[in-house]
Amino acid sequence: MKKNIFFILLAVACFGCGESKIEEAGFSTSAQQAEQDAGPIEGFRGDTLRLQTRPRNVLLTSDPAHRLVPIYKVNFHKRTKKPFVGSNSFYSSYWSYGRTDGNNWNNNFMPGFEAMYGYNFVNVSHYNNRTQQANAFFDKPVLIRTLYYPAFSKDTLNGTSITRQYYMVSAHDEDSNKDGFVNSKDLRRFYHFDLDANNKTPLVPQQYSVMSSEYDPQNDYMYVFARLDENANGQMESEEAISVFWIDLKDPSKKGMQYDGSQN
C-alpha cells in the first residue's frame, strides 16, 4: 500500500435512509404542524418549536466524565400512524493509513473521532458526570447530518496517541430557504463545540453550505468542500462556486480557505 498522502472521504456527505419514502428527513417550522407533533423537549426554551423526541443509547467518549445521548424526532408512518424513530449509524474505515507504521484508527473514520448519523437526528444531550450537569448542543431542534465526538478507542496516528478534546457537528440549523421546513434543502453548517458542548463556533463561514470533506493523515488536517450561496436564496445550487477550507484537527481554531472557487 502506498504511504504517500491520500484523502479519505469523510462523513459529511448526504446519505439515504430507508424511511425516506415515508417522510422526508426534517421537520416543519409552521406553528400548526408543531402543535400536531407537540411534546416536551427537556432543556429547551419554552418558545422553541416543539416536537416529540426520543433518546437513543449513551455514547461513550474518551473522557469518562463526558457522555452523550443522541435525540431523535418521533416520526409517524403515513398509513399505519405508528411511531418510529431513527437509529444510530456509524461511519467507519477498514484501512488506517499504513497500520504497520504506528497507525491504528480502530475502524473509526478519522483517528480519534467516532462519526455517527441517523434519520431525523435533531439534537445531542451532553452530561458531565463530575458536575452532574446536563446541556443540549443546540437550543432548538436542528437536522444533524454528522456528529464527530472523541473516540472511546485508543487510536494512534503516525505512532502518536490521538485524543480529541472537542466535538464537531454538521447540521441544517435553520429554514434558510424559507420553505417552511428544516431539511436537507437548507444550507448545511459546520460547528465546533468544546468538551462541555459549549462555545459553538462555525468552522466554515455561514454563507457556505458544506458538501463533503477529506482527511489528510500526514498533517492531521480536514479539508471541507462547500458551496457559496452566491444569490443568498438559502440553498445549494449546482452552478454555485465550490471552495475548499482547511481545519487543523490538532487545534481547530486554526482554519482557513485553501481554494476560493468564487474567484475562478
C-alpha atoms as a PDB file:
ATOM      1  CA  MET A   1       0.000   0.000   0.000  1.00  0.00           C
ATOM      2  CA  LYS A   2       1.363   3.392  -0.908  1.00  0.00           C
ATOM      3  CA  LYS A   3       2.363   5.611   2.000  1.00  0.00           C
ATOM      4  CA  ASN A   4       2.038   8.983   0.296  1.00  0.00           C
ATOM      5  CA  ILE A   5      -0.762  11.328   1.315  1.00  0.00           C
ATOM      6  CA  PHE A   6      -4.144  10.466   0.031  1.00  0.00           C
ATOM      7  CA  PHE A   7      -7.522  11.525   1.165  1.00  0.00           C
ATOM      8  CA  ILE A   8     -10.271   9.606   2.869  1.00  0.00           C
ATOM      9  CA  LEU A   9     -13.823  10.620   2.155  1.00  0.00           C
ATOM     10  CA  LEU A  10     -15.418  11.667   5.427  1.00  0.00           C
ATOM     11  CA  ALA A  11     -18.913  11.505   6.785  1.00  0.00           C
ATOM     12  CA  VAL A  12     -20.139  14.959   5.849  1.00  0.00           C
ATOM     13  CA  ALA A  13     -21.897  13.832   2.650  1.00  0.00           C
ATOM     14  CA  CYS A  14     -25.615  13.107   2.492  1.00  0.00           C
ATOM     15  CA  PHE A  15     -26.703   9.503   2.838  1.00  0.00           C
ATOM     16  CA  GLY A  16     -30.007   7.853   2.011  1.00  0.00           C
ATOM     17  CA  CYS A  17     -32.388   6.424   4.571  1.00  0.00           C
ATOM     18  CA  GLY A  18     -34.755   3.501   4.347  1.00  0.00           C
ATOM     19  CA  GLU A  19     -37.595   5.539   5.833  1.00  0.00           C
ATOM     20  CA  SER A  20     -37.250   8.395   3.322  1.00  0.00           C
ATOM     21  CA  LYS A  21     -40.247   7.196   1.309  1.00  0.00           C
ATOM     22  CA  ILE A  22     -42.412   7.588   4.392  1.00  0.00           C
ATOM     23  CA  GLU A  23     -41.387  11.108   5.320  1.00  0.00           C
ATOM     24  CA  GLU A  24     -38.675  13.424   4.105  1.00  0.00           C
ATOM     25  CA  ALA A  25     -35.971  13.877   6.726  1.00  0.00           C
ATOM     26  CA  GLY A  26     -36.548  17.094   8.628  1.00  0.00           C
ATOM     27  CA  PHE A  27     -39.492  18.876  10.200  1.00  0.00           C
ATOM     28  CA  SER A  28     -41.966  21.682   9.625  1.00  0.00           C
ATOM     29  CA  THR A  29     -41.420  25.119  11.100  1.00  0.00           C
ATOM     30  CA  SER A  30     -45.116  26.021  10.984  1.00  0.00           C
ATOM     31  CA  ALA A  31     -46.949  26.541  14.271  1.00  0.00           C
ATOM     32  CA  GLN A  32     -49.869  24.339  13.168  1.00  0.00           C
ATOM     33  CA  GLN A  33     -47.651  21.350  12.370  1.00  0.00           C
ATOM     34  CA  ALA A  34     -45.652  21.897  15.543  1.00  0.00           C
ATOM     35  CA  GLU A  35     -48.851  21.642  17.581  1.00  0.00           C
ATOM     36  CA  GLN A  36     -49.763  18.366  15.871  1.00  0.00           C
ATOM     37  CA  ASP A  37     -46.363  16.943  16.811  1.00  0.00           C
ATOM     38  CA  ALA A  38     -46.226  18.718  20.168  1.00  0.00           C
ATOM     39  CA  GLY A  39     -44.286  17.157  23.006  1.00  0.00           C
ATOM     40  CA  PRO A  40     -41.832  18.372  25.641  1.00  0.00           C
ATOM     41  CA  ILE A  41     -38.124  18.692  24.897  1.00  0.00           C
ATOM     42  CA  GLU A  42     -36.288  18.754  28.191  1.00  0.00           C
ATOM     43  CA  GLY A  43     -33.728  21.512  28.496  1.00  0.00           C
ATOM     44  CA  PHE A  44     -35.054  23.663  25.612  1.00  0.00           C
ATOM     45  CA  ARG A  45     -36.584  27.114  25.951  1.00  0.00           C
ATOM     46  CA  GLY A  46     -40.350  27.253  26.165  1.00  0.00           C
ATOM     47  CA  ASP A  47     -40.677  29.219  22.917  1.00  0.00           C
ATOM     48  CA  THR A  48     -38.762  26.586  20.945  1.00  0.00           C
ATOM     49  CA  LEU A  49     -40.553  24.643  18.231  1.00  0.00           C
ATOM     50  CA  ARG A  50     -41.968  21.582  19.982  1.00  0.00           C
ATOM     51  CA  LEU A  51     -41.579  18.083  18.570  1.00  0.00           C
ATOM     52  CA  GLN A  52     -41.971  14.655  20.050  1.00  0.00           C
ATOM     53  CA  THR A  53     -38.493  13.291  20.604  1.00  0.00           C
ATOM     54  CA  ARG A  54     -36.856  10.163  21.990  1.00  0.00           C
ATOM     55  CA  PRO A  55     -33.307   9.424  23.123  1.00  0.00           C
ATOM     56  CA  ARG A  56     -31.148   6.584  21.889  1.00  0.00           C
ATOM     57  CA  ASN A  57     -28.263   4.881  23.708  1.00  0.00           C
ATOM     58  CA  VAL A  58     -25.476   6.629  25.606  1.00  0.00           C
ATOM     59  CA  LEU A  59     -22.344   7.390  23.569  1.00  0.00           C
ATOM     60  CA  LEU A  60     -19.053   6.886  25.413  1.00  0.00           C
ATOM     61  CA  THR A  61     -16.333   9.455  24.816  1.00  0.00           C
ATOM     62  CA  SER A  62     -12.626   9.187  25.586  1.00  0.00           C
ATOM     63  CA  ASP A  63     -13.140  11.218  28.782  1.00  0.00           C
ATOM     64  CA  PRO A  64     -15.195   9.265  31.368  1.00  0.00           C
ATOM     65  CA  ALA A  65     -16.789  12.498  32.632  1.00  0.00           C
ATOM     66  CA  HIS A  66     -18.448  13.263  29.307  1.00  0.00           C
ATOM     67  CA  ARG A  67     -21.323  11.216  27.919  1.00  0.00           C
ATOM     68  CA  LEU A  68     -23.662  11.966  25.024  1.00  0.00           C
ATOM     69  CA  VAL A  69     -27.232  10.945  24.187  1.00  0.00           C
ATOM     70  CA  PRO A  70     -28.470  11.356  20.578  1.00  0.00           C
ATOM     71  CA  ILE A  71     -32.023  12.767  20.388  1.00  0.00           C
ATOM     72  CA  TYR A  72     -34.335  11.784  17.522  1.00  0.00           C
ATOM     73  CA  LYS A  73     -37.612  13.181  16.249  1.00  0.00           C
ATOM     74  CA  VAL A  74     -40.562  10.797  16.590  1.00  0.00           C
ATOM     75  CA  ASN A  75     -41.945  10.071  13.113  1.00  0.00           C
ATOM     76  CA  PHE A  76     -45.268   8.512  12.144  1.00  0.00           C
ATOM     77  CA  HIS A  77     -45.954   6.089   9.298  1.00  0.00           C
ATOM     78  CA  LYS A  78     -48.416   7.801   6.978  1.00  0.00           C
ATOM     79  CA  ARG A  79     -50.538   4.672   6.531  1.00  0.00           C
ATOM     80  CA  THR A  80     -50.478   2.980   9.935  1.00  0.00           C
ATOM     81  CA  LYS A  81     -49.833   6.113  12.046  1.00  0.00           C
ATOM     82  CA  LYS A  82     -47.456   4.057  14.174  1.00  0.00           C
ATOM     83  CA  PRO A  83     -44.485   5.955  15.595  1.00  0.00           C
ATOM     84  CA  PHE A  84     -40.879   5.176  14.770  1.00  0.00           C
ATOM     85  CA  VAL A  85     -37.528   6.832  15.393  1.00  0.00           C
ATOM     86  CA  GLY A  86     -34.182   6.673  13.663  1.00  0.00           C
ATOM     87  CA  SER A  87     -31.250   4.660  14.946  1.00  0.00           C
ATOM     88  CA  ASN A  88     -27.565   5.364  15.377  1.00  0.00           C
ATOM     89  CA  SER A  89     -25.355   4.561  12.409  1.00  0.00           C
ATOM     90  CA  PHE A  90     -21.587   4.973  12.340  1.00  0.00           C
ATOM     91  CA  TYR A  91     -19.098   5.738   9.618  1.00  0.00           C
ATOM     92  CA  SER A  92     -16.045   3.511   9.712  1.00  0.00           C
ATOM     93  CA  SER A  93     -12.778   2.914   7.871  1.00  0.00           C
ATOM     94  CA  TYR A  94     -11.270  -0.535   7.361  1.00  0.00           C
ATOM     95  CA  TRP A  95      -7.941   0.982   6.473  1.00  0.00           C
ATOM     96  CA  SER A  96      -5.729   3.085   8.719  1.00  0.00           C
ATOM     97  CA  TYR A  97      -3.036   4.681   6.563  1.00  0.00           C
ATOM     98  CA  GLY A  98      -0.197   2.176   6.976  1.00  0.00           C
ATOM     99  CA  ARG A  99      -1.232   0.286  10.104  1.00  0.00           C
ATOM    100  CA  THR A 100       2.311  -1.137  10.436  1.00  0.00           C
ATOM    101  CA  ASP A 101       3.700   2.401  10.797  1.00  0.00           C
ATOM    102  CA  GLY A 102       2.046   3.119  14.127  1.00  0.00           C
ATOM    103  CA  ASN A 103      -1.420   3.890  12.784  1.00  0.00           C
ATOM    104  CA  ASN A 104      -4.458   2.251  14.315  1.00  0.00           C
ATOM    105  CA  TRP A 105      -7.761   4.058  13.966  1.00  0.00           C
ATOM    106  CA  ASN A 106      -9.810   1.110  15.310  1.00  0.00           C
ATOM    107  CA  ASN A 107     -12.041   1.345  12.225  1.00  0.00           C
ATOM    108  CA  ASN A 108     -13.001   4.939  13.038  1.00  0.00           C
ATOM    109  CA  PHE A 109     -13.419   7.189  10.049  1.00  0.00           C
ATOM    110  CA  MET A 110     -10.725   9.543  11.348  1.00  0.00           C
ATOM    111  CA  PRO A 111      -8.220   8.839  14.128  1.00  0.00           C
ATOM    112  CA  GLY A 112      -9.532   9.998  17.492  1.00  0.00           C
ATOM    113  CA  PHE A 113     -13.092  10.603  16.280  1.00  0.00           C
ATOM    114  CA  GLU A 114     -16.174   8.458  16.041  1.00  0.00           C
ATOM    115  CA  ALA A 115     -18.646   9.767  13.473  1.00  0.00           C
ATOM    116  CA  MET A 116     -22.360   8.989  13.680  1.00  0.00           C
ATOM    117  CA  TYR A 117     -25.573   9.895  11.882  1.00  0.00           C
ATOM    118  CA  GLY A 118     -29.237   8.885  11.913  1.00  0.00           C
ATOM    119  CA  TYR A 119     -32.666   9.585  10.439  1.00  0.00           C
ATOM    120  CA  ASN A 120     -34.203  12.822  11.791  1.00  0.00           C
ATOM    121  CA  PHE A 121     -31.398  13.194  14.333  1.00  0.00           C
ATOM    122  CA  VAL A 122     -32.352  16.551  15.896  1.00  0.00           C
ATOM    123  CA  ASN A 123     -30.078  17.202  18.893  1.00  0.00           C
ATOM    124  CA  VAL A 124     -27.446  15.835  21.272  1.00  0.00           C
ATOM    125  CA  SER A 125     -27.687  15.859  25.058  1.00  0.00           C
ATOM    126  CA  HIS A 126     -24.374  16.219  26.908  1.00  0.00           C
ATOM    127  CA  TYR A 127     -23.882  15.118  30.523  1.00  0.00           C
ATOM    128  CA  ASN A 128     -20.894  15.791  32.767  1.00  0.00           C
ATOM    129  CA  ASN A 129     -20.568  13.038  35.369  1.00  0.00           C
ATOM    130  CA  ARG A 130     -18.312  15.151  37.561  1.00  0.00           C
ATOM    131  CA  THR A 131     -20.575  18.185  37.812  1.00  0.00           C
ATOM    132  CA  GLN A 132     -23.809  16.215  37.220  1.00  0.00           C
ATOM    133  CA  GLN A 133     -24.913  18.905  34.786  1.00  0.00           C
ATOM    134  CA  ALA A 134     -26.733  18.298  31.504  1.00  0.00           C
ATOM    135  CA  ASN A 135     -26.981  20.591  28.493  1.00  0.00           C
ATOM    136  CA  ALA A 136     -28.047  20.348  24.849  1.00  0.00           C
ATOM    137  CA  PHE A 137     -25.744  21.098  21.923  1.00  0.00           C
ATOM    138  CA  PHE A 138     -28.458  23.197  20.251  1.00  0.00           C
ATOM    139  CA  ASP A 139     -31.175  25.265  21.960  1.00  0.00           C
ATOM    140  CA  LYS A 140     -33.761  24.249  19.348  1.00  0.00           C
ATOM    141  CA  PRO A 141     -34.243  21.229  17.059  1.00  0.00           C
ATOM    142  CA  VAL A 142     -31.878  21.033  14.070  1.00  0.00           C
ATOM    143  CA  LEU A 143     -31.292  18.345  11.466  1.00  0.00           C
ATOM    144  CA  ILE A 144     -27.894  16.844  12.309  1.00  0.00           C
ATOM    145  CA  ARG A 145     -26.081  15.125   9.470  1.00  0.00           C
ATOM    146  CA  THR A 146     -22.869  14.061  11.242  1.00  0.00           C
ATOM    147  CA  LEU A 147     -21.678  14.186  14.845  1.00  0.00           C
ATOM    148  CA  TYR A 148     -17.930  13.778  15.422  1.00  0.00           C
ATOM    149  CA  TYR A 149     -17.013  13.019  19.041  1.00  0.00           C
ATOM    150  CA  PRO A 150     -13.851  11.872  20.897  1.00  0.00           C
ATOM    151  CA  ALA A 151     -13.422   8.141  20.284  1.00  0.00           C
ATOM    152  CA  PHE A 152     -13.586   5.745  23.224  1.00  0.00           C
ATOM    153  CA  SER A 153     -10.967   3.591  21.496  1.00  0.00           C
ATOM    154  CA  LYS A 154      -7.204   4.137  21.821  1.00  0.00           C
ATOM    155  CA  ASP A 155      -6.283   5.455  18.377  1.00  0.00           C
ATOM    156  CA  THR A 156      -2.827   6.236  17.053  1.00  0.00           C
ATOM    157  CA  LEU A 157      -1.705   8.384  14.136  1.00  0.00           C
ATOM    158  CA  ASN A 158       1.859   8.124  12.809  1.00  0.00           C
ATOM    159  CA  GLY A 159       2.989   6.485  16.049  1.00  0.00           C
ATOM    160  CA  THR A 160       1.339   9.054  18.340  1.00  0.00           C
ATOM    161  CA  SER A 161      -1.682   8.518  20.579  1.00  0.00           C
ATOM    162  CA  ILE A 162      -4.606  10.670  19.417  1.00  0.00           C
ATOM    163  CA  THR A 163      -7.181  12.011  21.884  1.00  0.00           C
ATOM    164  CA  ARG A 164      -9.603  14.705  20.784  1.00  0.00           C
ATOM    165  CA  GLN A 165     -10.951  17.254  23.268  1.00  0.00           C
ATOM    166  CA  TYR A 166     -13.882  18.680  21.324  1.00  0.00           C
ATOM    167  CA  TYR A 167     -16.858  17.868  19.095  1.00  0.00           C
ATOM    168  CA  MET A 168     -17.770  18.782  15.518  1.00  0.00           C
ATOM    169  CA  VAL A 169     -21.288  18.776  14.091  1.00  0.00           C
ATOM    170  CA  SER A 170     -22.601  19.329  10.578  1.00  0.00           C
ATOM    171  CA  ALA A 171     -26.274  20.307  10.601  1.00  0.00           C
ATOM    172  CA  HIS A 172     -29.102  22.097   8.853  1.00  0.00           C
ATOM    173  CA  ASP A 173     -29.883  24.513  11.689  1.00  0.00           C
ATOM    174  CA  GLU A 174     -32.419  26.892  10.158  1.00  0.00           C
ATOM    175  CA  ASP A 175     -35.015  27.155   7.415  1.00  0.00           C
ATOM    176  CA  SER A 176     -32.536  29.036   5.253  1.00  0.00           C
ATOM    177  CA  ASN A 177     -34.576  28.774   2.031  1.00  0.00           C
ATOM    178  CA  LYS A 178     -37.820  29.867   3.772  1.00  0.00           C
ATOM    179  CA  ASP A 179     -39.954  26.955   2.521  1.00  0.00           C
ATOM    180  CA  GLY A 180     -41.418  26.170   5.955  1.00  0.00           C
ATOM    181  CA  PHE A 181     -39.189  23.163   6.662  1.00  0.00           C
ATOM    182  CA  VAL A 182     -35.786  22.464   8.161  1.00  0.00           C
ATOM    183  CA  ASN A 183     -34.418  19.714   5.927  1.00  0.00           C
ATOM    184  CA  SER A 184     -31.598  18.768   3.571  1.00  0.00           C
ATOM    185  CA  LYS A 185     -32.574  21.533   1.118  1.00  0.00           C
ATOM    186  CA  ASP A 186     -31.347  24.149   3.594  1.00  0.00           C
ATOM    187  CA  LEU A 187     -27.742  25.269   3.980  1.00  0.00           C
ATOM    188  CA  ARG A 188     -25.625  22.804   5.957  1.00  0.00           C
ATOM    189  CA  ARG A 189     -23.413  24.441   8.557  1.00  0.00           C
ATOM    190  CA  PHE A 190     -20.372  23.000  10.334  1.00  0.00           C
ATOM    191  CA  TYR A 191     -19.643  23.768  14.001  1.00  0.00           C
ATOM    192  CA  HIS A 192     -17.039  23.208  16.697  1.00  0.00           C
ATOM    193  CA  PHE A 193     -18.040  22.675  20.361  1.00  0.00           C
ATOM    194  CA  ASP A 194     -15.768  22.419  23.371  1.00  0.00           C
ATOM    195  CA  LEU A 195     -15.701  19.282  25.557  1.00  0.00           C
ATOM    196  CA  ASP A 196     -18.626  20.580  27.649  1.00  0.00           C
ATOM    197  CA  ALA A 197     -20.702  21.075  24.475  1.00  0.00           C
ATOM    198  CA  ASN A 198     -20.475  24.855  24.833  1.00  0.00           C
ATOM    199  CA  ASN A 199     -18.904  27.717  22.840  1.00  0.00           C
ATOM    200  CA  LYS A 200     -20.409  26.781  19.471  1.00  0.00           C
ATOM    201  CA  THR A 201     -18.172  28.203  16.729  1.00  0.00           C
ATOM    202  CA  PRO A 202     -18.571  27.968  12.933  1.00  0.00           C
ATOM    203  CA  LEU A 203     -15.768  26.052  11.216  1.00  0.00           C
ATOM    204  CA  VAL A 204     -16.931  27.227   7.774  1.00  0.00           C
ATOM    205  CA  PRO A 205     -18.478  30.676   7.130  1.00  0.00           C
ATOM    206  CA  GLN A 206     -22.275  30.694   7.475  1.00  0.00           C
ATOM    207  CA  GLN A 207     -22.912  31.777   3.859  1.00  0.00           C
ATOM    208  CA  TYR A 208     -21.476  28.447   2.646  1.00  0.00           C
ATOM    209  CA  SER A 209     -23.158  25.045   2.612  1.00  0.00           C
ATOM    210  CA  VAL A 210     -20.976  22.033   3.415  1.00  0.00           C
ATOM    211  CA  MET A 211     -20.940  19.278   0.785  1.00  0.00           C
ATOM    212  CA  SER A 212     -18.184  16.809   1.706  1.00  0.00           C
ATOM    213  CA  SER A 213     -14.732  16.585   3.238  1.00  0.00           C
ATOM    214  CA  GLU A 214     -11.418  14.768   3.023  1.00  0.00           C
ATOM    215  CA  TYR A 215      -8.776  13.861   5.583  1.00  0.00           C
ATOM    216  CA  ASP A 216      -5.010  14.435   5.316  1.00  0.00           C
ATOM    217  CA  PRO A 217      -3.273  11.941   7.681  1.00  0.00           C
ATOM    218  CA  GLN A 218       0.217  13.432   7.335  1.00  0.00           C
ATOM    219  CA  ASN A 219      -0.869  16.857   8.581  1.00  0.00           C
ATOM    220  CA  ASP A 220      -3.957  15.785  10.589  1.00  0.00           C
ATOM    221  CA  TYR A 221      -5.999  18.260   8.559  1.00  0.00           C
ATOM    222  CA  MET A 222      -9.607  18.111   7.458  1.00  0.00           C
ATOM    223  CA  TYR A 223     -10.450  19.664   4.083  1.00  0.00           C
ATOM    224  CA  VAL A 224     -14.070  20.779   3.725  1.00  0.00           C
ATOM    225  CA  PHE A 225     -15.745  21.351   0.362  1.00  0.00           C
ATOM    226  CA  ALA A 226     -18.590  23.878   0.468  1.00  0.00           C
ATOM    227  CA  ARG A 227     -20.716  25.892  -1.959  1.00  0.00           C
ATOM    228  CA  LEU A 228     -21.086  29.641  -1.564  1.00  0.00           C
ATOM    229  CA  ASP A 229     -24.742  30.744  -1.510  1.00  0.00           C
ATOM    230  CA  GLU A 230     -23.998  33.335  -4.161  1.00  0.00           C
ATOM    231  CA  ASN A 231     -27.575  34.504  -4.728  1.00  0.00           C
ATOM    232  CA  ALA A 232     -28.439  34.402  -0.988  1.00  0.00           C
ATOM    233  CA  ASN A 233     -31.529  32.244  -1.522  1.00  0.00           C
ATOM    234  CA  GLY A 234     -30.611  29.879   1.298  1.00  0.00           C
ATOM    235  CA  GLN A 235     -29.975  26.710  -0.685  1.00  0.00           C
ATOM    236  CA  MET A 236     -27.219  24.991  -2.672  1.00  0.00           C
ATOM    237  CA  GLU A 237     -27.369  25.105  -6.453  1.00  0.00           C
ATOM    238  CA  SER A 238     -25.157  23.242  -8.901  1.00  0.00           C
ATOM    239  CA  GLU A 239     -23.925  26.361 -10.681  1.00  0.00           C
ATOM    240  CA  GLU A 240     -22.669  27.972  -7.471  1.00  0.00           C
ATOM    241  CA  ALA A 241     -18.948  28.010  -6.767  1.00  0.00           C
ATOM    242  CA  ILE A 242     -17.246  25.335  -4.650  1.00  0.00           C
ATOM    243  CA  SER A 243     -14.486  26.395  -2.264  1.00  0.00           C
ATOM    244  CA  VAL A 244     -12.164  24.321  -0.082  1.00  0.00           C
ATOM    245  CA  PHE A 245     -11.483  25.095   3.573  1.00  0.00           C
ATOM    246  CA  TRP A 246      -8.813  23.576   5.816  1.00  0.00           C
ATOM    247  CA  ILE A 247      -9.112  22.788   9.538  1.00  0.00           C
ATOM    248  CA  ASP A 248      -6.177  21.784  11.736  1.00  0.00           C
ATOM    249  CA  LEU A 249      -7.646  18.978  13.860  1.00  0.00           C
ATOM    250  CA  LYS A 250      -4.856  19.393  16.424  1.00  0.00           C
ATOM    251  CA  ASP A 251      -6.228  22.877  17.080  1.00  0.00           C
ATOM    252  CA  PRO A 252      -9.473  23.631  15.170  1.00  0.00           C
ATOM    253  CA  SER A 253      -9.193  27.348  15.962  1.00  0.00           C
ATOM    254  CA  LYS A 254      -6.571  27.246  13.189  1.00  0.00           C
ATOM    255  CA  LYS A 255      -8.533  27.179   9.947  1.00  0.00           C
ATOM    256  CA  GLY A 256      -8.813  28.987   6.667  1.00  0.00           C
ATOM    257  CA  MET A 257      -9.667  28.884   2.964  1.00  0.00           C
ATOM    258  CA  GLN A 258      -7.371  26.830   0.759  1.00  0.00           C
ATOM    259  CA  TYR A 259      -9.175  27.398  -2.546  1.00  0.00           C
ATOM    260  CA  ASP A 260     -11.655  30.173  -3.368  1.00  0.00           C
ATOM    261  CA  GLY A 261     -13.931  28.888  -6.109  1.00  0.00           C
ATOM    262  CA  SER A 262     -15.711  32.227  -6.463  1.00  0.00           C
ATOM    263  CA  GLN A 263     -12.523  33.743  -7.923  1.00  0.00           C
ATOM    264  CA  ASN A 264     -12.431  31.319 -10.860  1.00  0.00           C
END
